[in-house]
């Protein structure tokens, strides 16, 4: 994260709570305006091999930007405050139990594919679980009410944030930084570049990788339930690029449109990718993103879903959150807060 903030932003207050056995940091409580009852909560999910502390500058810059906007707006009873929350992803930081499980194939972890997916899928579940309880710790006197939940994830956290926005109806805005919504494509690309025997030993190479010991059937079943591309496109085709250009049949729409409504109706998504990212290449998620953008466009077959989807690629940027990405994230979160209804009712999670 060194390149993200050449100079650290002005800090904000933070308090650490143990919630459900997870050390949870809440930023911005002291800066909340006592005249504003409704509060939005931004969940910050950190990258692989790091911990929650690296998200503190993002919390500070986002909260400071929003509080500056609030000072220029009236009336106060129609505004929403902002806090941010971070915690260590599963098997990271204070929760690490197996260091090797965080590593990739090239670093000697033969279980890389199921390890990584299960870790960040678990993090998305943890996010939903913490949403249930964070207000009891942050606002024990009920002087503020959390009415809006948003998520911003980087790398591994970006993968997890995709799960959050699709599977928890309480999360209405997501900023996905150098993450991928198509785990199967990402792992196939990584297996090829890693020259795994399960990839190179078949003719043609990779033809039997799916379902091999490196990418087991049990993992594929989980991907079909929780991964964005697996959930929304897994039953449409074998997943080659040509099928991503096709409109679902009328029969497919009978189950796909209700699923899209449950997962994406009226949600806001900003996808930020590095054009020179070799670890999570944009090309792995591009076919699904292209399919999703076509579906949710105003003239698309899910155009009435009121989905806001922005997809931005930063040329020359590798696997990092650049300073320009930070500005885009702050902009998008601010726009969501300005348009988010402050009296939105809290809905139950389906995870």
Protein backbone atom coordinates (compact mmCIF):
# COMPACT_ATOMS: atom_id res chain seq x y z
CA UNK A 1 0.00 0.00 0.00
CA UNK A 2 3.06 2.27 -0.03
CA UNK A 3 2.28 3.60 -3.52
CA UNK A 4 -1.35 4.23 -2.60
CA UNK A 5 -0.54 7.01 -0.15
CA UNK A 6 2.86 8.68 -0.69
CA UNK A 7 1.77 10.91 2.21
CA UNK A 8 -0.57 9.49 4.84
CA UNK A 9 -3.88 11.33 5.15
CA UNK A 10 -4.98 13.06 8.34
CA UNK A 11 -5.99 10.35 10.77
CA UNK A 12 -9.39 9.72 12.27
CA UNK A 13 -10.42 8.21 15.58
CA UNK A 14 -10.55 4.44 15.97
CA UNK A 15 -11.82 2.01 18.55
CA UNK A 16 -11.17 -1.73 18.67
CA UNK A 17 -13.90 -4.12 19.76
CA UNK A 18 -13.93 -7.89 20.09
CA UNK A 19 -17.09 -8.85 18.21
CA UNK A 20 -17.93 -12.54 17.86
CA UNK A 21 -14.30 -13.31 18.64
CA UNK A 22 -13.01 -11.04 15.85
CA UNK A 23 -10.90 -7.96 16.60
CA UNK A 24 -12.89 -5.28 14.81
CA UNK A 25 -11.68 -1.71 14.31
CA UNK A 26 -14.30 1.03 13.93
CA UNK A 27 -13.08 4.33 12.49
CA UNK A 28 -14.70 7.75 12.73
CA UNK A 29 -16.95 7.43 15.77
CA UNK A 30 -15.63 10.57 17.46
CA UNK A 31 -16.04 12.58 14.28
CA UNK A 32 -19.77 11.80 13.93
CA UNK A 33 -22.07 14.79 14.16
CA UNK A 34 -24.39 14.33 17.14
CA UNK A 35 -27.20 15.99 15.17
CA UNK A 36 -27.08 13.28 12.48
CA UNK A 37 -28.72 10.04 13.61
CA UNK A 38 -28.36 7.89 10.51
CA UNK A 39 -24.96 6.43 9.71
CA UNK A 40 -23.45 4.57 6.77
CA UNK A 41 -20.84 1.89 7.45
CA UNK A 42 -18.00 1.22 4.99
CA UNK A 43 -16.51 -2.26 5.38
CA UNK A 44 -12.82 -2.40 4.42
CA UNK A 45 -11.36 -5.76 3.34
CA UNK A 46 -7.58 -5.98 3.07
CA UNK A 47 -5.30 -7.77 0.55
CA UNK A 48 -3.77 -11.25 0.84
CA UNK A 49 -0.67 -11.52 3.05
CA UNK A 50 -1.54 -8.25 4.83
CA UNK A 51 -3.79 -7.33 7.76
CA UNK A 52 -6.47 -4.83 8.62
CA UNK A 53 -4.05 -2.07 9.63
CA UNK A 54 -3.20 -1.36 5.99
CA UNK A 55 -6.79 -0.16 5.43
CA UNK A 56 -6.54 2.65 7.97
CA UNK A 57 -5.46 5.33 5.44
CA UNK A 58 -8.42 4.47 3.22
CA UNK A 59 -10.76 4.76 6.18
CA UNK A 60 -9.27 8.14 7.08
CA UNK A 61 -9.32 9.65 3.60
CA UNK A 62 -12.87 8.48 2.87
CA UNK A 63 -14.31 9.64 6.19
CA UNK A 64 -12.50 12.99 6.03
CA UNK A 65 -13.75 13.63 2.50
CA UNK A 66 -17.35 12.85 3.46
CA UNK A 67 -17.23 14.97 6.61
CA UNK A 68 -15.97 17.93 4.58
CA UNK A 69 -18.95 17.49 2.26
CA UNK A 70 -21.32 17.39 5.23
CA UNK A 71 -20.10 20.76 6.47
CA UNK A 72 -21.40 22.33 3.28
CA UNK A 73 -24.83 20.69 3.33
CA UNK A 74 -28.14 21.33 5.09
CA UNK A 75 -30.49 20.34 6.65
CA UNK A 76 -28.72 17.98 9.04
CA UNK A 77 -31.77 15.74 9.56
CA UNK A 78 -31.59 14.60 5.93
CA UNK A 79 -27.91 13.70 6.02
CA UNK A 80 -26.02 10.54 6.87
CA UNK A 81 -22.77 10.18 8.80
CA UNK A 82 -19.97 7.79 7.86
CA UNK A 83 -17.89 5.29 9.81
CA UNK A 84 -15.58 2.57 8.50
CA UNK A 85 -14.83 -0.91 9.82
CA UNK A 86 -11.90 -3.23 9.25
CA UNK A 87 -10.95 -6.67 10.55
CA UNK A 88 -8.40 -9.33 9.70
CA UNK A 89 -9.46 -11.69 6.95
CA UNK A 90 -9.57 -15.38 7.86
CA UNK A 91 -6.10 -16.85 8.41
CA UNK A 92 -4.54 -13.36 8.35
CA UNK A 93 -3.11 -11.12 11.05
CA UNK A 94 -4.49 -11.99 14.47
CA UNK A 95 -6.45 -14.89 12.93
CA UNK A 96 -3.59 -16.70 11.20
CA UNK A 97 -3.44 -20.44 11.92
CA UNK A 98 -1.60 -21.76 8.83
CA UNK A 99 0.86 -19.47 7.06
CA UNK A 100 1.26 -21.78 4.06
CA UNK A 101 -2.49 -21.66 3.35
CA UNK A 102 -2.12 -17.99 2.37
CA UNK A 103 0.51 -18.79 -0.25
CA UNK A 104 0.12 -19.65 -3.95
CA UNK A 105 1.13 -22.76 -5.90
CA UNK A 106 4.48 -21.22 -6.82
CA UNK A 107 5.21 -20.69 -3.12
CA UNK A 108 4.67 -24.35 -2.31
CA UNK A 109 0.98 -24.51 -1.36
CA UNK A 110 -0.65 -27.44 -3.21
CA UNK A 111 -4.08 -26.45 -1.86
CA UNK A 112 -3.91 -22.88 -3.14
CA UNK A 113 -7.21 -22.96 -5.08
CA UNK A 114 -9.49 -24.21 -2.26
CA UNK A 115 -7.50 -22.34 0.38
CA UNK A 116 -7.88 -18.92 -1.22
CA UNK A 117 -11.52 -19.31 -2.18
CA UNK A 118 -12.59 -20.64 1.21
CA UNK A 119 -10.67 -17.89 3.03
CA UNK A 120 -12.21 -14.95 1.21
CA UNK A 121 -15.64 -16.55 0.97
CA UNK A 122 -15.39 -16.94 4.76
CA UNK A 123 -14.43 -13.28 5.05
CA UNK A 124 -17.61 -12.28 3.23
CA UNK A 125 -19.61 -14.39 5.68
CA UNK A 126 -17.76 -12.71 8.56
CA UNK A 127 -18.70 -9.32 7.12
CA UNK A 128 -22.38 -10.23 7.13
CA UNK A 129 -22.08 -11.64 10.65
CA UNK A 130 -20.41 -8.48 11.93
CA UNK A 131 -23.09 -6.32 10.29
CA UNK A 132 -25.55 -8.05 12.61
CA UNK A 133 -23.72 -6.91 15.74
CA UNK A 134 -21.46 -3.91 15.11
CA UNK A 135 -24.09 -1.34 16.09
CA UNK A 136 -24.40 -2.92 19.55
CA UNK A 137 -20.73 -2.13 20.16
CA UNK A 138 -20.33 1.14 18.26
CA UNK A 139 -23.65 2.62 19.44
CA UNK A 140 -24.68 0.88 22.68
CA UNK A 141 -26.91 3.84 23.59
CA UNK A 142 -28.61 3.76 20.17
CA UNK A 143 -27.72 7.41 19.59
CA UNK A 144 -26.98 6.55 15.96
CA UNK A 145 -28.51 3.98 13.60
CA UNK A 146 -26.64 2.22 10.80
CA UNK A 147 -28.93 2.52 7.79
CA UNK A 148 -26.49 1.80 4.97
CA UNK A 149 -23.69 -0.71 4.44
CA UNK A 150 -20.99 -0.44 1.77
CA UNK A 151 -17.85 -2.45 1.08
CA UNK A 152 -14.42 -1.69 -0.36
CA UNK A 153 -11.98 -4.54 -0.89
CA UNK A 154 -8.48 -4.76 -2.33
CA UNK A 155 -7.03 -7.86 -4.06
CA UNK A 156 -8.14 -10.77 -1.83
CA UNK A 157 -10.47 -8.26 -0.22
CA UNK A 158 -11.76 -7.37 -3.69
CA UNK A 159 -12.64 -11.01 -4.32
CA UNK A 160 -14.46 -11.09 -0.98
CA UNK A 161 -16.25 -7.81 -1.70
CA UNK A 162 -17.75 -9.32 -4.86
CA UNK A 163 -19.33 -12.00 -2.65
CA UNK A 164 -20.55 -9.35 -0.21
CA UNK A 165 -22.35 -7.25 -2.80
CA UNK A 166 -24.04 -10.26 -4.41
CA UNK A 167 -25.03 -12.23 -1.33
CA UNK A 168 -25.97 -9.68 1.33
CA UNK A 169 -28.94 -7.43 0.46
CA UNK A 170 -27.94 -4.98 3.20
CA UNK A 171 -24.76 -4.10 1.29
CA UNK A 172 -25.80 -1.70 -1.46
CA UNK A 173 -22.50 -0.27 -2.73
CA UNK A 174 -19.20 -1.99 -3.53
CA UNK A 175 -15.79 -0.75 -4.63
CA UNK A 176 -13.77 -3.67 -5.98
CA UNK A 177 -10.06 -2.97 -6.36
CA UNK A 178 -7.83 -5.41 -8.30
CA UNK A 179 -10.23 -8.24 -7.48
CA UNK A 180 -11.79 -10.79 -9.82
CA UNK A 181 -15.43 -11.88 -10.17
CA UNK A 182 -14.53 -15.10 -12.03
CA UNK A 183 -12.49 -17.43 -9.84
CA UNK A 184 -12.37 -20.30 -12.33
CA UNK A 185 -10.80 -18.16 -15.06
CA UNK A 186 -8.38 -16.61 -12.59
CA UNK A 187 -7.17 -19.98 -11.31
CA UNK A 188 -6.94 -21.48 -14.80
CA UNK A 189 -4.73 -18.57 -15.83
CA UNK A 190 -2.61 -18.97 -12.70
CA UNK A 191 -2.31 -22.76 -13.14
CA UNK A 192 -1.11 -22.28 -16.70
CA UNK A 193 1.48 -19.68 -15.71
CA UNK A 194 2.57 -21.81 -12.73
CA UNK A 195 3.01 -24.80 -15.09
CA UNK A 196 1.17 -27.15 -12.76
CA UNK A 197 1.44 -30.79 -13.73
CA UNK A 198 -2.36 -31.05 -13.72
CA UNK A 199 -2.31 -28.37 -16.43
CA UNK A 200 0.69 -29.39 -18.54
CA UNK A 201 0.28 -33.19 -18.47
CA UNK A 202 -2.86 -33.36 -20.62
CA UNK A 203 -3.49 -32.82 -24.30
CA UNK A 204 -4.47 -30.13 -24.89
CA UNK A 205 -2.94 -28.55 -21.78
CA UNK A 206 -5.52 -27.72 -19.12
CA UNK A 207 -8.24 -29.91 -20.61
CA UNK A 208 -8.60 -31.90 -17.37
CA UNK A 209 -7.56 -29.26 -14.85
CA UNK A 210 -11.11 -28.63 -13.65
CA UNK A 211 -11.94 -31.49 -11.33
CA UNK A 212 -8.29 -32.40 -10.75
CA UNK A 213 -6.67 -32.55 -7.29
CA UNK A 214 -5.58 -28.92 -7.81
CA UNK A 215 -9.14 -27.79 -8.57
CA UNK A 216 -11.45 -30.38 -6.94
CA UNK A 217 -15.11 -30.99 -7.71
CA UNK A 218 -16.05 -29.85 -4.20
CA UNK A 219 -14.46 -26.47 -4.91
CA UNK A 220 -16.30 -26.24 -8.22
CA UNK A 221 -19.60 -26.82 -6.43
CA UNK A 222 -18.86 -23.97 -4.01
CA UNK A 223 -17.89 -21.69 -6.91
CA UNK A 224 -21.23 -22.41 -8.55
CA UNK A 225 -23.03 -21.20 -5.43
CA UNK A 226 -20.99 -18.17 -4.39
CA UNK A 227 -18.66 -16.89 -7.13
CA UNK A 228 -20.27 -14.12 -9.23
CA UNK A 229 -19.53 -15.73 -12.60
CA UNK A 230 -20.23 -19.19 -11.24
CA UNK A 231 -23.54 -18.14 -9.71
CA UNK A 232 -24.90 -16.06 -12.58
CA UNK A 233 -23.33 -17.74 -15.62
CA UNK A 234 -22.39 -21.22 -14.47
CA UNK A 235 -25.54 -22.85 -15.76
CA UNK A 236 -25.66 -20.90 -19.01
CA UNK A 237 -22.69 -22.43 -20.80
CA UNK A 238 -19.26 -24.01 -20.46
CA UNK A 239 -17.91 -20.49 -20.00
CA UNK A 240 -15.99 -19.76 -23.19
CA UNK A 241 -15.69 -16.12 -24.25
CA UNK A 242 -18.11 -16.38 -27.18
CA UNK A 243 -21.02 -17.30 -24.90
CA UNK A 244 -20.47 -14.11 -22.89
CA UNK A 245 -21.63 -12.20 -25.96
CA UNK A 246 -24.93 -14.06 -26.06
CA UNK A 247 -28.20 -12.96 -24.53
CA UNK A 248 -29.74 -15.62 -22.26
CA UNK A 249 -32.64 -17.53 -23.76
CA UNK A 250 -36.18 -16.80 -22.60
CA UNK A 251 -36.13 -20.06 -20.66
CA UNK A 252 -32.89 -19.10 -18.93
CA UNK A 253 -34.29 -15.69 -18.05
CA UNK A 254 -37.11 -17.34 -16.05
CA UNK A 255 -34.61 -18.28 -13.33
CA UNK A 256 -31.84 -15.79 -14.08
CA UNK A 257 -33.87 -12.57 -13.74
CA UNK A 258 -35.19 -13.44 -10.23
CA UNK A 259 -31.61 -14.32 -9.24
CA UNK A 260 -30.34 -11.02 -10.62
CA UNK A 261 -33.05 -9.15 -8.68
CA UNK A 262 -32.08 -10.89 -5.46
CA UNK A 263 -28.36 -10.30 -5.99
CA UNK A 264 -28.06 -6.95 -7.75
CA UNK A 265 -31.29 -4.95 -7.82
CA UNK A 266 -30.58 -1.21 -7.32
CA UNK A 267 -26.96 -1.81 -6.27
CA UNK A 268 -23.92 0.31 -7.11
CA UNK A 269 -20.65 -1.31 -8.19
CA UNK A 270 -17.30 0.24 -9.08
CA UNK A 271 -14.66 -2.15 -10.45
CA UNK A 272 -11.09 -0.82 -10.53
CA UNK A 273 -8.38 -2.83 -12.30
CA UNK A 274 -4.73 -2.38 -13.19
CA UNK A 275 -4.01 -2.67 -16.88
CA UNK A 276 -0.55 -4.10 -16.10
CA UNK A 277 -1.69 -6.39 -13.28
CA UNK A 278 -0.05 -9.80 -13.73
CA UNK A 279 -1.28 -11.42 -10.50
CA UNK A 280 -4.99 -10.73 -11.07
CA UNK A 281 -5.11 -9.86 -14.79
CA UNK A 282 -8.10 -7.87 -15.96
CA UNK A 283 -8.55 -10.36 -18.81
CA UNK A 284 -9.71 -13.00 -16.32
CA UNK A 285 -12.73 -11.01 -15.18
CA UNK A 286 -13.37 -9.10 -18.42
CA UNK A 287 -15.70 -11.66 -20.12
CA UNK A 288 -18.01 -11.76 -17.09
CA UNK A 289 -17.86 -7.98 -16.62
CA UNK A 290 -18.69 -7.50 -20.30
CA UNK A 291 -21.66 -9.87 -19.93
CA UNK A 292 -22.83 -8.08 -16.77
CA UNK A 293 -22.47 -4.60 -18.29
CA UNK A 294 -24.51 -5.65 -21.31
CA UNK A 295 -27.21 -7.15 -19.09
CA UNK A 296 -27.51 -4.13 -16.78
CA UNK A 297 -27.23 -1.43 -19.45
CA UNK A 298 -30.36 0.67 -19.90
CA UNK A 299 -31.21 -1.24 -23.09
CA UNK A 300 -30.07 -4.60 -21.64
CA UNK A 301 -32.27 -7.55 -20.68
CA UNK A 302 -31.89 -6.54 -17.00
CA UNK A 303 -31.95 -2.83 -17.73
CA UNK A 304 -34.82 -2.24 -15.30
CA UNK A 305 -32.70 -3.59 -12.45
CA UNK A 306 -31.38 -0.06 -11.78
CA UNK A 307 -27.84 -1.35 -11.35
CA UNK A 308 -25.03 1.21 -11.51
CA UNK A 309 -21.90 -0.53 -12.77
CA UNK A 310 -18.67 1.31 -13.53
CA UNK A 311 -15.66 -0.63 -14.80
CA UNK A 312 -12.37 1.27 -14.99
CA UNK A 313 -8.96 -0.03 -16.08
CA UNK A 314 -5.86 2.03 -15.20
CA UNK A 315 -3.20 1.58 -17.86
CA UNK A 316 0.31 0.96 -16.59
CA UNK A 317 -0.89 0.10 -13.07
CA UNK A 318 0.09 -3.30 -11.72
CA UNK A 319 -1.29 -5.24 -8.76
CA UNK A 320 -1.75 -2.22 -6.52
CA UNK A 321 -4.27 0.43 -5.55
CA UNK A 322 -2.94 3.55 -7.19
CA UNK A 323 -3.61 7.07 -5.90
CA UNK A 324 -5.97 7.61 -8.85
CA UNK A 325 -7.91 4.53 -7.80
CA UNK A 326 -8.24 5.99 -4.30
CA UNK A 327 -9.78 9.15 -5.72
CA UNK A 328 -12.22 7.13 -7.81
CA UNK A 329 -13.22 5.10 -4.76
CA UNK A 330 -13.78 8.23 -2.66
CA UNK A 331 -15.83 9.80 -5.46
CA UNK A 332 -18.02 6.74 -5.91
CA UNK A 333 -18.65 6.28 -2.19
CA UNK A 334 -19.52 9.96 -1.84
CA UNK A 335 -21.97 9.80 -4.75
CA UNK A 336 -23.60 6.72 -3.24
CA UNK A 337 -24.01 8.44 0.11
CA UNK A 338 -25.56 11.50 -1.48
CA UNK A 339 -28.15 9.38 -3.28
CA UNK A 340 -28.71 6.67 -0.67
CA UNK A 341 -32.10 6.94 1.10
CA UNK A 342 -31.30 7.53 4.78
CA UNK A 343 -34.42 5.73 5.98
CA UNK A 344 -33.60 2.48 4.17
CA UNK A 345 -34.84 -0.48 6.21
CA UNK A 346 -32.32 -3.13 7.22
CA UNK A 347 -32.92 -6.36 5.35
CA UNK A 348 -31.89 -9.83 6.45
CA UNK A 349 -28.81 -11.44 4.94
CA UNK A 350 -29.25 -14.60 2.91
CA UNK A 351 -25.71 -15.89 3.59
